[in-house]
C-alpha atoms as a PDB file:
ATOM      1  CA  MET A   1      -1.245   9.887 -18.190  1.00  0.00           C
ATOM      2  CA  ASN A   2       2.408   9.255 -17.514  1.00  0.00           C
ATOM      3  CA  LYS A   3       4.399   6.273 -18.786  1.00  0.00           C
ATOM      4  CA  ARG A   4       4.546   4.488 -15.409  1.00  0.00           C
ATOM      5  CA  LEU A   5       0.774   4.650 -14.913  1.00  0.00           C
ATOM      6  CA  SER A   6       0.193   3.424 -18.458  1.00  0.00           C
ATOM      7  CA  GLU A   7       2.499   0.484 -17.733  1.00  0.00           C
ATOM      8  CA  ALA A   8       0.587  -0.281 -14.528  1.00  0.00           C
ATOM      9  CA  PHE A   9      -2.752  -0.257 -16.351  1.00  0.00           C
ATOM     10  CA  GLU A  10      -1.364  -2.516 -19.056  1.00  0.00           C
ATOM     11  CA  ARG A  11      -0.077  -5.014 -16.499  1.00  0.00           C
ATOM     12  CA  VAL A  12      -3.312  -4.960 -14.498  1.00  0.00           C
ATOM     13  CA  SER A  13      -5.330  -5.537 -17.669  1.00  0.00           C
ATOM     14  CA  GLU A  14      -3.563  -8.898 -18.035  1.00  0.00           C
ATOM     15  CA  LEU A  15      -4.730 -10.097 -14.620  1.00  0.00           C
ATOM     16  CA  PRO A  16      -7.823 -12.213 -13.989  1.00  0.00           C
ATOM     17  CA  GLU A  17     -11.067 -10.238 -13.558  1.00  0.00           C
ATOM     18  CA  GLU A  18     -11.101 -10.632  -9.769  1.00  0.00           C
ATOM     19  CA  ARG A  19      -7.581  -9.196  -9.438  1.00  0.00           C
ATOM     20  CA  GLN A  20      -8.478  -6.332 -11.778  1.00  0.00           C
ATOM     21  CA  GLU A  21     -11.416  -5.481  -9.501  1.00  0.00           C
ATOM     22  CA  ALA A  22      -9.122  -5.496  -6.461  1.00  0.00           C
ATOM     23  CA  ALA A  23      -6.620  -3.238  -8.213  1.00  0.00           C
ATOM     24  CA  ALA A  24      -9.397  -0.844  -9.233  1.00  0.00           C
ATOM     25  CA  ASP A  25     -10.682  -0.731  -5.653  1.00  0.00           C
ATOM     26  CA  LEU A  26      -7.200   0.099  -4.370  1.00  0.00           C
ATOM     27  CA  LEU A  27      -6.676   2.846  -6.921  1.00  0.00           C
ATOM     28  CA  ILE A  28     -10.068   4.421  -6.262  1.00  0.00           C
ATOM     29  CA  ASP A  29      -9.446   4.290  -2.512  1.00  0.00           C
ATOM     30  CA  PHE A  30      -6.038   5.921  -3.042  1.00  0.00           C
ATOM     31  CA  VAL A  31      -7.617   8.752  -5.053  1.00  0.00           C
ATOM     32  CA  GLU A  32     -10.526   9.278  -2.662  1.00  0.00           C
ATOM     33  CA  HIS A  33      -8.526   8.962   0.583  1.00  0.00           C
ATOM     34  CA  PRO A  34      -4.919  10.026  -0.081  1.00  0.00           C
ATOM     35  CA  GLU A  35      -4.344  10.755   3.597  1.00  0.00           C
ATOM     36  CA  ALA A  36      -4.690   7.047   4.356  1.00  0.00           C
ATOM     37  CA  TYR A  37      -1.611   6.352   2.245  1.00  0.00           C
ATOM     38  CA  GLU A  38       0.690   8.995   3.679  1.00  0.00           C
ATOM     39  CA  VAL A  39       3.543   7.830   5.851  1.00  0.00           C
ATOM     40  CA  THR A  40       4.434  10.112   8.738  1.00  0.00           C
ATOM     41  CA  PRO A  41       8.017  10.944   9.731  1.00  0.00           C
ATOM     42  CA  GLU A  42       7.415   8.966  12.927  1.00  0.00           C
ATOM     43  CA  GLN A  43       6.440   5.879  10.937  1.00  0.00           C
ATOM     44  CA  ILE A  44       9.529   6.234   8.761  1.00  0.00           C
ATOM     45  CA  ALA A  45      11.663   6.493  11.900  1.00  0.00           C
ATOM     46  CA  GLU A  46      10.050   3.326  13.293  1.00  0.00           C
ATOM     47  CA  ILE A  47      10.756   1.472  10.060  1.00  0.00           C
ATOM     48  CA  ASP A  48      14.366   2.673   9.986  1.00  0.00           C
ATOM     49  CA  GLN A  49      14.868   1.621  13.603  1.00  0.00           C
ATOM     50  CA  ALA A  50      13.410  -1.831  12.987  1.00  0.00           C
ATOM     51  CA  ARG A  51      15.625  -2.319   9.941  1.00  0.00           C
ATOM     52  CA  ARG A  52      18.709  -1.373  11.948  1.00  0.00           C
ATOM     53  CA  GLU A  53      17.751  -3.862  14.633  1.00  0.00           C
ATOM     54  CA  ASP A  54      16.750  -6.637  12.232  1.00  0.00           C
ATOM     55  CA  ASP A  55      13.592  -6.705  14.320  1.00  0.00           C
ATOM     56  CA  TYR A  56      10.946  -7.275  11.697  1.00  0.00           C
ATOM     57  CA  ALA A  57       7.255  -7.301  12.480  1.00  0.00           C
ATOM     58  CA  THR A  58       5.309 -10.505  12.769  1.00  0.00           C
ATOM     59  CA  PRO A  59       2.354 -10.999  10.423  1.00  0.00           C
ATOM     60  CA  GLU A  60       0.056 -10.173  13.344  1.00  0.00           C
ATOM     61  CA  GLU A  61       1.880  -6.888  14.026  1.00  0.00           C
ATOM     62  CA  VAL A  62       1.651  -5.970  10.353  1.00  0.00           C
ATOM     63  CA  GLU A  63      -2.106  -6.607  10.417  1.00  0.00           C
ATOM     64  CA  VAL A  64      -2.551  -4.398  13.497  1.00  0.00           C
ATOM     65  CA  PHE A  65      -0.500  -1.628  11.861  1.00  0.00           C
ATOM     66  CA  PHE A  66      -2.507  -1.602   8.626  1.00  0.00           C
ATOM     67  CA  ALA A  67      -5.817  -1.947  10.462  1.00  0.00           C
ATOM     68  CA  LYS A  68      -5.240   1.619  11.677  1.00  0.00           C
ATOM     69  CA  PHE A  69      -5.637   2.873   8.100  1.00  0.00           C
ATOM     70  CA  ARG A  70      -8.759   0.949   7.174  1.00  0.00           C
ATOM     71  CA  ALA A  71     -12.025   2.784   7.538  1.00  0.00           C
END
């Protein structure tokens, strides 16, 4: 295990039980479904364009975006 991952585990271990469970779920999902966490060049271009325009997404737009990756 590398130093950064060890640090992450140490920090998560200090969280309340419920937050530890959520972190574990995220990590397991990341390991089992890595494709869901990959950002495409098109998505990077969209982010870059929005940053140049100072046109940030609303909370609703963010929810719609991430809903695409939930199974």
